[in-house]
Amino acid sequence: DYPTKLTIQADHTHIFDTVHVDTCDETCAVENIIGTVTFDSNGIDSGCNLEQCSSINREYVLIPKDIDYNQAPQSRYMSFDGINQVSIIHKTDFSGQLKNDFTIRMWMKHTDEENDGKEHIFCKTDEKLQNRHHTALFIQDGYLKLLIRKGPLSINDKNVYKSEWMWKLTQINDDQWHSYKLFINYPNQIDLYIDDKLFTITNDNFKVIEDFALPVINGTEDTIFTVGACWHARASQMAQHFHGELSGLSIEQKEELPDSISCIQDCQQYLDMPDIQGQSNMEFISNSNRSIWKIRSDSSELYEDLLKHIVYRNTFDPIGPSGQRTVSIQTTLKCLGENYTYNLPTFIRRLSIDEPIRPTNIELKGDTSFFVSEQIINQGINLFKNLSIYADAIKNDQVDISDCSINTSPDLTNNEQIIIPDDNFHINNLQKDLTQTGLILAGLGSIDSYQYVLQHIAYTSKSPVQYNDRTFSLVCVGSHDQTSTNEIRIRIHIEKQIVPSAPFAAALSNKLFVDNDQTRDNLFDLGESAPSAKNLSGWPIIIVICVSVGLASVLVLYLVIRIRSGNRQASPLTGTGDDAHSQMEWEDDIGLNIIVNPLDTTKQSVQSMDVHNIKQTIHKYEGASSDEDEYDDHSHNEYSSDEDNEDYDDVENNQIHQKKNDHQLEWDDEAMEYGPKKV
């Protein structure tokens, strides 16, 4: 198929389910078809947590070197006689596992002895049963050769891979110290430096040999790594010894730390083949993080079936990151009976993950209550003067509003209306629908345009309002996802103007006014009418004060008159101090005759009541209230003084008589005297 674009919407997507592989059977009977499927994230995060992964450059020193590595060895080197000298590297020092990228460094001194056999500098072979060489660096017939065998593989792989690189060098047999450095990027590139100079390769001095991958053989799981010779398990002896001198032999490669291996392998974007069964005529294998897959088959139909099983996995939640990745297929075809291979055109499929569409959040903010008078309502007020519309988009002009609705509660009367300037609608291309229940603004517009229109909407009433409270609610709707905004409720409290009635005495006398600072501060400010109300509230206080002063004056006047009348009775007309004493006794007798009740005394004879004295006393009080009877009062006082002495003697006689007649009843007629006492 021609390169196409595929939009990813799920975490499990077959990306080659429409691929078709066509070969010309008349000209080429397919013997082997190999494909390399590569996933490239194009710099997009694959979710491998690489910042938590770490690697180090590990150098394995097989033969020590001098302090100055750039100079030819002087003292530290190892000599090999080519017969029995060999060094076995323990697995604790070096396991023999080589990465795709590694570096070999050494100093070597070798003499040509016309030996056509292999002389191994180092060698990795099977520890048991087989003599297979996995990795080796050796000298043979004037060539420096590097062997890297692919595998072992568990399947029957009929492919050949680059396995041996050979450089024809004159330096290896001149019996001089030379520095050799090999920078390996298996299997793509290997560079050789001799004495820090890059060796220039030609068809005459450089060769590459391909070979089959090593198969898996039971019992050959373990290997042995040696320096100076090679271990042959079948013969159970060392063979192919090196004859010369070596110094500073080391292998350096970048290795991940133990906790980094799982980090690299566990990624959130990768290719997978989860639902396929292996067969003898097919092969599929991937690298550690499953970004590269190798597939092979012996027919185009089977190769096509393998491609259709490849799945792109994305375990991000939600799927992402947004952007494009590429998956490429490089296919090599070999026809039956031919030694050449043909490269088919590279197939590329682009995987696109679109930016998720998030609902735009639009928020309204503004005043929620007004306290206004009827006069202001008659003139009109802007309901949403301080309205602000916010959105979580980058730019406000990128977010459109489809409509806004204003609802009234209660409904508008015929004398109320909502006013909208018409010029705003011509500018912003909005439509309005005004009813007694509210207003609807419709039409696509930016946030700024809707905010401008809403800020100029006014409410007015041309007659006395019927309601003290009126509510307006505003809600808008976004145009992209039809998401409603929050609701703003504006409450208008209308203060009716009350004309104060004329004050009258009855109404004011029934009210209590308290001049309290705290209460006065909490009262609502009535504006210009406040001074008149204050003056009105002072009249009741003045009236109360005047009444109180009047009552106090009457009481004082009464007390003064009473005191003056008492002073007249005590005036010195008699000329003696005994008269004053008799006056006190007379007044005491008056109090006794008026207060004492005969029923309050028990077992005691009732004293005789002098009716004549009572009458004279009454005349005395009557005369005290008039200045014209002053002379009569004086004559009565002289008479009263004589009577007082006689009354005193009568009291003593009555007390003696009482002791003799205790047994008599209180109301016995014999104990009661009637009429005035005879003098």
Foldseek 3Di string as FASTA:
>chain_A
DAAEEDEDDDQKFQPQQPDADDDDCVVFQFQKKKKKKFWFPPPFAQALPCVPWDKDKDKQWPFAFDPPNLDFGDPGWDFFAQPADKFWDDVVRPVPDDDLWKKKKKKWFAADPVDQFKAWQKWKAFQADFGDTAWTWIDGDQKTKTFHAADQDAAPDPDKDFGMKIFRDPRRHPRDIKIWMWTGNPPPDIWIDISNHTDDDDPVGIDIDIDDHRYDDPPRPGMIMMGQFGAGRVVRDTHNGHGTMMHRTMMIDMDIDPVNLVSQQDTQKAKDQDDDDDDNFKDWDADRNHRMIMIMGRDSVVVSVSSSRIIIGGPDVVGDDFDKIKMKMWMWTDGPPDPDIDTDDIHMYIYGHHDDDDDKAKAKDADAEAEEEQVVQQVKDQQGQPIDIDIPDPDQQVWKWFKKWKFKPPFADPQKDKDFDPVLCVVFVWDWDDDRGTIMIGDIGTRVSVSVRSSRIIMHGNDPDPDQKMKMKMKIFTDPPRDIHDIGIHIYGYDYDDDDDDDDDVVLLVDDDDDDPVVVVPDDDPPPCVVVVVVVNCVNVVVVVVVVVVVVVVVVVVVVLVVVLVVLLPDCPVVDPVLVVLVVVLVVVVVCVPPDDLVVDFLAFDDEDAPVLVVLVVVLVVCSVDPVCSVVNVVSSVVSSVVSVVVVVVVVVRVVVSVVPSVDGHPDPVRYDDYHDDD
